[in-house]
Amino acid sequence: MPDSQIGVLIDYENVGLGSIRSLFDQLSDMGRIIIKRAYADWSKASSQSTQMLEFGIEAKHYFHATNSGKNASDICLAIDAIDLLHRSPVDTFVIVSSDTDFVPLVSALRAAGKAVIGAGHRAVVSPALVRSCDRYVYLDSDKPTAQTHSTLKKQAESLLVRAVEASTDELGQVVAAKLHNTMLRMDPSFNFKALGHRTFTHFLHSTPQVTSLRPTGRRSGDVLVELTGGQTHRDERPSEGSVPPTGESWDARVDAAWSSISDDPISGSKAAAEAAKALGAQNIRSSRYKTLQGILDASELLRGRWSRKGNTILQRTTPARTPGRWDSPRAPGTE
């Protein structure tokens, strides 16, 4: 797969060049930087010429017009971006600014099929600009305080749970690479390295809300992720009597459907399809239980007769006993 062709356009008067080396290091892992331009009135910032030469950044100079209501450099950056859109091979634009005024430009570039990465300072950037990009990189060079790190960790864990809930299959699992992309779409500023993790898999292993596994028989690079203990579904369990009476309980219908299948074990896709039919749903995702794990979590009957192993459903050899559900009262004096 060919490298991305990256164009970096820097609003110097908004962000400066303080963390530009770190940004270029991150971008080098994404593709080939073919354009580096910084926009400013360089007659007032000539002291940066050495750093500009060191990083191979082209200075785009524009004098400030007196009584001008708008920064000329911002306008020229936007014009250059549109020109590059039509006249260059750039497929990934990096807009280095914290200025919300660039939101329309970002939207136009993305609408034209280009990827857009934003970069700026966390303390001043608008959430609207962050959300409008495909990815947003914070340029803050200082390490976060313990309090800030704790807040970022909680936000990342909450984002992770939301992304898993949005992207899992009928088995309640999602491939890690897909999950990472979903998290970036939900929050373009998500960065597991900023939380101290070398890889996304390392981040997953450190987060108690999820369990990651590498099933046998799959490609070695595949890692599956699921919420720990089916926690996303526990709050969704129907209350007693919430299922309309039909002469037969919903879990008994699912039990009968699975029992009619001769396969042992039952593949996850087949078990999900039969469960959806028994529930009268188009598919299991459209039911109140969402996944096979959600169905098992919601029913003592099904947990007693069936178990889940990886991507399959197994019938228990001896139904698991649940006090009060399977056991009848013992006669006094018997063991």
Protein backbone atom coordinates (compact mmCIF):
# COMPACT_ATOMS: atom_id res chain seq x y z
CA MET A 1 0.00 0.00 0.00
CA PRO A 2 1.55 3.36 -1.03
CA ASP A 3 2.40 5.92 1.64
CA SER A 4 0.07 8.85 2.20
CA GLN A 5 1.22 12.11 0.59
CA ILE A 6 1.09 14.64 3.41
CA GLY A 7 0.91 18.42 3.24
CA VAL A 8 1.56 20.36 6.47
CA LEU A 9 0.18 23.90 6.67
CA ILE A 10 1.17 25.77 9.85
CA ASP A 11 -0.65 28.77 11.30
CA TYR A 12 2.55 30.00 12.95
CA GLU A 13 1.03 33.01 14.72
CA ASN A 14 -1.49 30.70 16.39
CA VAL A 15 0.69 27.78 17.51
CA GLY A 16 4.35 28.60 16.85
CA LEU A 17 6.97 25.90 16.25
CA GLY A 18 7.59 24.74 19.83
CA SER A 19 6.49 21.12 19.33
CA ILE A 20 6.92 20.84 15.58
CA ARG A 21 9.64 18.17 15.81
CA SER A 22 7.32 15.86 17.77
CA LEU A 23 4.54 16.45 15.23
CA PHE A 24 6.81 15.63 12.28
CA ASP A 25 7.97 12.47 14.07
CA GLN A 26 4.35 11.30 14.41
CA LEU A 27 3.53 12.19 10.81
CA SER A 28 6.55 10.26 9.51
CA ASP A 29 4.84 7.08 10.70
CA MET A 30 1.75 7.93 8.64
CA GLY A 31 3.26 8.75 5.28
CA ARG A 32 5.58 10.99 3.28
CA ILE A 33 5.56 14.71 4.01
CA ILE A 34 5.87 16.45 0.65
CA ILE A 35 4.85 19.99 1.65
CA LYS A 36 5.76 22.01 4.77
CA ARG A 37 4.59 25.61 4.89
CA ALA A 38 4.26 28.11 7.72
CA TYR A 39 2.17 31.27 7.38
CA ALA A 40 2.98 34.51 9.23
CA ASP A 41 4.20 38.07 9.00
CA TRP A 42 7.82 36.95 9.12
CA SER A 43 9.11 40.52 9.44
CA LYS A 44 8.04 40.18 13.10
CA ALA A 45 9.22 36.59 13.56
CA SER A 46 12.59 36.49 11.80
CA SER A 47 14.23 34.87 14.85
CA GLN A 48 12.67 31.55 13.80
CA SER A 49 14.54 31.37 10.49
CA THR A 50 17.12 28.86 11.78
CA GLN A 51 14.44 26.44 12.99
CA MET A 52 12.53 26.86 9.73
CA LEU A 53 15.63 25.88 7.74
CA GLU A 54 16.36 22.96 10.08
CA PHE A 55 12.97 21.38 9.42
CA GLY A 56 12.76 22.35 5.75
CA ILE A 57 9.68 24.52 6.28
CA GLU A 58 8.80 27.01 3.56
CA ALA A 59 7.96 30.46 4.96
CA LYS A 60 4.87 32.05 3.43
CA HIS A 61 5.10 35.74 4.26
CA TYR A 62 2.14 38.12 4.47
CA PHE A 63 2.18 41.61 5.97
CA HIS A 64 -0.61 42.48 8.36
CA ALA A 65 -2.89 45.04 6.77
CA THR A 66 -3.78 47.87 9.15
CA ASN A 67 -7.39 48.00 10.32
CA SER A 68 -7.90 44.51 8.92
CA GLY A 69 -10.57 42.54 10.71
CA LYS A 70 -9.12 39.18 9.69
CA ASN A 71 -5.65 37.66 9.87
CA ALA A 72 -4.27 37.64 6.32
CA SER A 73 -2.13 34.59 7.08
CA ASP A 74 -5.21 32.51 7.94
CA ILE A 75 -6.87 33.47 4.67
CA CYS A 76 -3.76 32.64 2.64
CA LEU A 77 -3.41 29.27 4.40
CA ALA A 78 -6.98 28.42 3.43
CA ILE A 79 -6.45 29.54 -0.18
CA ASP A 80 -3.25 27.48 -0.41
CA ALA A 81 -5.06 24.41 0.93
CA ILE A 82 -7.77 24.64 -1.73
CA ASP A 83 -5.12 25.18 -4.41
CA LEU A 84 -3.23 22.08 -3.22
CA LEU A 85 -6.49 20.15 -3.21
CA HIS A 86 -6.82 20.62 -6.97
CA ARG A 87 -3.19 20.92 -8.10
CA SER A 88 -1.13 18.51 -5.98
CA PRO A 89 -1.01 14.80 -5.04
CA VAL A 90 -1.59 15.61 -1.35
CA ASP A 91 -4.16 13.18 0.10
CA THR A 92 -3.67 14.02 3.79
CA PHE A 93 -3.78 17.63 4.96
CA VAL A 94 -2.34 18.62 8.33
CA ILE A 95 -3.74 21.94 9.55
CA VAL A 96 -1.59 23.13 12.45
CA SER A 97 -3.81 25.58 14.30
CA SER A 98 -6.17 25.88 17.25
CA ASP A 99 -8.36 28.41 15.42
CA THR A 100 -12.03 27.45 15.07
CA ASP A 101 -12.23 29.53 11.88
CA PHE A 102 -10.60 26.61 10.04
CA VAL A 103 -13.61 24.31 10.61
CA PRO A 104 -15.18 25.19 7.20
CA LEU A 105 -11.84 24.49 5.46
CA VAL A 106 -11.50 21.13 7.21
CA SER A 107 -15.06 20.23 6.23
CA ALA A 108 -14.42 21.18 2.59
CA LEU A 109 -11.24 19.08 2.38
CA ARG A 110 -12.94 16.04 3.92
CA ALA A 111 -15.94 16.45 1.61
CA ALA A 112 -13.47 16.26 -1.29
CA GLY A 113 -12.27 12.87 -0.03
CA LYS A 114 -9.09 13.99 1.72
CA ALA A 115 -8.00 13.02 5.22
CA VAL A 116 -7.46 15.94 7.59
CA ILE A 117 -5.30 15.89 10.71
CA GLY A 118 -5.44 18.86 13.04
CA ALA A 119 -2.76 19.90 15.52
CA GLY A 120 -2.83 22.54 18.24
CA HIS A 121 -2.76 23.28 21.95
CA ARG A 122 -5.19 21.47 24.24
CA ALA A 123 -5.88 24.49 26.46
CA VAL A 124 -7.18 26.74 23.69
CA VAL A 125 -8.44 24.52 20.86
CA SER A 126 -12.18 24.43 20.26
CA PRO A 127 -13.94 21.05 20.55
CA ALA A 128 -15.64 21.90 17.25
CA LEU A 129 -12.29 21.94 15.43
CA VAL A 130 -11.19 18.68 17.09
CA ARG A 131 -14.41 16.89 16.10
CA SER A 132 -14.27 18.17 12.52
CA CYS A 133 -10.90 16.47 11.84
CA ASP A 134 -10.18 12.80 11.16
CA ARG A 135 -7.56 13.00 13.88
CA TYR A 136 -6.30 15.74 16.18
CA VAL A 137 -2.82 15.86 17.72
CA TYR A 138 -2.14 17.95 20.82
CA LEU A 139 1.16 19.83 20.66
CA ASP A 140 1.55 20.40 24.39
CA SER A 141 5.13 19.46 25.22
CA ASP A 142 4.72 19.38 29.00
CA LYS A 143 3.76 16.08 30.60
CA PRO A 144 0.25 16.16 32.06
CA THR A 145 -0.14 16.50 35.82
CA ALA A 146 -1.34 13.51 37.83
CA GLN A 147 -4.82 15.04 38.02
CA THR A 148 -4.94 15.73 34.27
CA HIS A 149 -3.64 12.23 33.50
CA SER A 150 -6.34 10.70 35.70
CA THR A 151 -9.02 12.71 33.89
CA LEU A 152 -7.67 11.72 30.46
CA LYS A 153 -7.55 8.06 31.54
CA LYS A 154 -11.19 8.10 32.66
CA GLN A 155 -12.22 9.80 29.40
CA ALA A 156 -10.32 7.20 27.36
CA GLU A 157 -11.93 4.32 29.28
CA SER A 158 -15.40 5.79 28.77
CA LEU A 159 -14.66 6.27 25.06
CA LEU A 160 -13.44 2.66 24.84
CA VAL A 161 -16.66 1.26 26.34
CA ARG A 162 -18.81 3.38 23.99
CA ALA A 163 -16.78 2.25 20.97
CA VAL A 164 -17.05 -1.43 21.92
CA GLU A 165 -20.81 -1.12 22.39
CA ALA A 166 -21.13 0.57 18.98
CA SER A 167 -19.02 -1.86 16.97
CA THR A 168 -19.35 -5.39 18.41
CA ASP A 169 -20.83 -8.29 16.47
CA GLU A 170 -23.52 -10.73 17.66
CA LEU A 171 -20.97 -12.38 19.93
CA GLY A 172 -20.18 -9.11 21.66
CA GLN A 173 -16.68 -8.99 20.12
CA VAL A 174 -14.83 -6.61 17.82
CA VAL A 175 -11.41 -6.77 16.13
CA ALA A 176 -8.98 -4.40 17.86
CA ALA A 177 -7.98 -2.57 14.65
CA LYS A 178 -11.62 -1.80 13.87
CA LEU A 179 -12.17 -0.71 17.47
CA HIS A 180 -9.24 1.71 17.29
CA ASN A 181 -10.66 3.28 14.13
CA THR A 182 -14.08 3.61 15.77
CA MET A 183 -12.53 5.37 18.77
CA LEU A 184 -10.73 7.84 16.49
CA ARG A 185 -13.97 8.58 14.64
CA MET A 186 -15.74 9.20 17.95
CA ASP A 187 -12.87 11.32 19.34
CA PRO A 188 -10.17 12.34 16.82
CA SER A 189 -7.90 13.43 19.70
CA PHE A 190 -7.66 9.94 21.25
CA ASN A 191 -4.00 8.95 21.59
CA PHE A 192 -3.03 5.86 23.59
CA LYS A 193 0.63 6.95 23.57
CA ALA A 194 -0.28 10.12 25.46
CA LEU A 195 -1.57 7.83 28.21
CA GLY A 196 1.80 6.07 28.44
CA HIS A 197 1.11 3.00 26.28
CA ARG A 198 3.41 1.81 23.52
CA THR A 199 0.67 0.08 21.53
CA PHE A 200 -3.12 0.02 21.37
CA THR A 201 -3.06 -3.60 22.56
CA HIS A 202 -1.08 -2.52 25.63
CA PHE A 203 -3.76 0.11 26.32
CA LEU A 204 -6.46 -2.58 26.07
CA HIS A 205 -4.61 -4.88 28.48
CA SER A 206 -4.39 -2.04 31.03
CA THR A 207 -8.12 -1.29 30.93
CA PRO A 208 -10.26 -3.46 33.24
CA GLN A 209 -13.49 -2.67 31.39
CA VAL A 210 -12.50 -4.89 28.45
CA THR A 211 -10.97 -8.29 27.80
CA SER A 212 -8.76 -8.88 24.78
CA LEU A 213 -7.95 -12.30 23.37
CA ARG A 214 -6.26 -13.84 20.35
CA PRO A 215 -8.35 -16.88 19.34
CA THR A 216 -6.70 -19.91 17.79
CA GLY A 217 -7.29 -20.43 14.10
CA ARG A 218 -7.30 -16.71 13.28
CA ARG A 219 -4.55 -14.67 11.70
CA SER A 220 -1.82 -13.95 14.22
CA GLY A 221 -2.44 -10.20 14.03
CA ASP A 222 -6.09 -10.38 15.00
CA VAL A 223 -7.00 -9.44 18.55
CA LEU A 224 -10.64 -9.63 19.62
CA VAL A 225 -12.04 -7.30 22.27
CA GLU A 226 -15.15 -7.68 24.40
CA LEU A 227 -16.52 -5.95 27.46
CA THR A 228 -15.52 -7.71 30.66
CA GLY A 229 -18.27 -9.88 32.09
CA GLY A 230 -20.85 -8.70 29.55
CA GLN A 231 -21.22 -5.53 31.63
CA THR A 232 -22.78 -3.50 28.85
CA HIS A 233 -25.83 -5.75 28.89
CA ARG A 234 -26.44 -6.11 32.60
CA ASP A 235 -28.17 -2.77 32.79
CA GLU A 236 -30.31 -3.76 29.80
CA ARG A 237 -31.78 -6.94 31.28
CA PRO A 238 -35.55 -6.94 31.20
CA SER A 239 -37.29 -6.65 34.55
CA GLU A 240 -39.59 -9.40 35.80
CA GLY A 241 -42.74 -9.40 33.71
CA SER A 242 -41.35 -6.94 31.12
CA VAL A 243 -41.64 -9.57 28.35
CA PRO A 244 -45.25 -9.83 27.16
CA PRO A 245 -46.84 -13.19 28.04
CA THR A 246 -46.95 -15.51 25.03
CA GLY A 247 -47.67 -18.85 26.70
CA GLU A 248 -43.95 -19.61 26.62
CA SER A 249 -41.11 -17.49 27.99
CA TRP A 250 -38.62 -15.92 25.58
CA ASP A 251 -35.68 -17.90 26.98
CA ALA A 252 -37.58 -21.19 26.61
CA ARG A 253 -38.12 -20.34 22.93
CA VAL A 254 -34.41 -19.64 22.48
CA ASP A 255 -33.56 -22.86 24.34
CA ALA A 256 -35.86 -24.85 22.04
CA ALA A 257 -34.39 -23.20 18.94
CA TRP A 258 -30.83 -24.02 19.94
CA SER A 259 -31.77 -27.56 21.01
CA SER A 260 -33.16 -28.23 17.53
CA ILE A 261 -29.73 -27.60 15.96
CA SER A 262 -27.72 -30.78 15.50
CA ASP A 263 -24.35 -28.99 15.41
CA ASP A 264 -22.18 -29.29 18.50
CA PRO A 265 -20.86 -26.76 19.14
CA ILE A 266 -23.20 -24.28 17.43
CA SER A 267 -21.45 -21.56 15.46
CA GLY A 268 -22.02 -18.06 16.77
CA SER A 269 -23.67 -16.86 13.57
CA LYS A 270 -26.14 -19.76 13.51
CA ALA A 271 -26.93 -19.41 17.23
CA ALA A 272 -27.51 -15.68 16.77
CA ALA A 273 -29.78 -16.21 13.75
CA GLU A 274 -31.93 -18.81 15.54
CA ALA A 275 -32.12 -16.69 18.69
CA ALA A 276 -33.29 -13.71 16.65
CA LYS A 277 -36.07 -15.80 15.09
CA ALA A 278 -37.16 -17.04 18.53
CA LEU A 279 -37.26 -13.46 19.80
CA GLY A 280 -39.17 -12.22 16.77
CA ALA A 281 -36.37 -9.79 15.89
CA GLN A 282 -34.83 -9.06 12.51
CA ASN A 283 -31.41 -9.83 13.98
CA ILE A 284 -29.93 -10.17 17.42
CA ARG A 285 -28.52 -6.63 17.38
CA SER A 286 -32.03 -5.22 17.01
CA SER A 287 -33.27 -7.16 20.06
CA ARG A 288 -33.06 -5.86 23.61
CA TYR A 289 -30.19 -8.27 24.35
CA LYS A 290 -27.88 -7.12 21.50
CA THR A 291 -25.46 -10.10 21.65
CA LEU A 292 -25.34 -13.79 22.53
CA GLN A 293 -23.59 -12.87 25.76
CA GLY A 294 -26.43 -10.49 26.53
CA ILE A 295 -28.96 -13.30 26.03
CA LEU A 296 -27.04 -15.63 28.36
CA ASP A 297 -26.61 -12.91 30.97
CA ALA A 298 -30.35 -12.22 30.99
CA SER A 299 -31.55 -15.81 31.57
CA GLU A 300 -30.83 -18.29 34.36
CA LEU A 301 -32.43 -20.99 32.22
CA LEU A 302 -30.05 -20.45 29.31
CA ARG A 303 -27.00 -20.05 31.53
CA GLY A 304 -27.90 -23.36 33.14
CA ARG A 305 -28.16 -25.23 29.83
CA TRP A 306 -25.74 -23.40 27.54
CA SER A 307 -22.32 -21.81 27.69
CA ARG A 308 -20.31 -19.66 25.35
CA LYS A 309 -16.80 -20.58 24.23
CA GLY A 310 -15.15 -18.13 21.86
CA ASN A 311 -17.32 -17.85 18.75
CA THR A 312 -19.52 -20.84 19.60
CA ILE A 313 -22.40 -21.87 21.88
CA LEU A 314 -22.06 -25.21 23.72
CA GLN A 315 -24.79 -27.28 25.36
CA ARG A 316 -23.85 -28.25 28.87
CA THR A 317 -23.57 -32.02 29.45
CA THR A 318 -25.27 -31.60 32.83
CA PRO A 319 -27.35 -28.47 33.34
CA ALA A 320 -25.73 -26.12 35.83
CA ARG A 321 -27.73 -26.01 39.04
CA THR A 322 -28.97 -22.69 40.34
CA PRO A 323 -30.46 -22.82 43.87
CA GLY A 324 -34.12 -21.92 43.83
CA ARG A 325 -34.50 -22.54 40.11
CA TRP A 326 -33.56 -26.15 39.55
CA ASP A 327 -33.56 -27.71 43.03
CA SER A 328 -36.73 -28.88 44.75
CA PRO A 329 -36.91 -28.74 48.57
CA ARG A 330 -35.14 -31.67 50.25
CA ALA A 331 -36.94 -33.83 52.75
CA PRO A 332 -35.81 -33.31 56.35
CA GLY A 333 -32.93 -35.58 57.27
CA THR A 334 -31.86 -36.32 53.70
CA GLU A 335 -28.53 -35.41 52.15
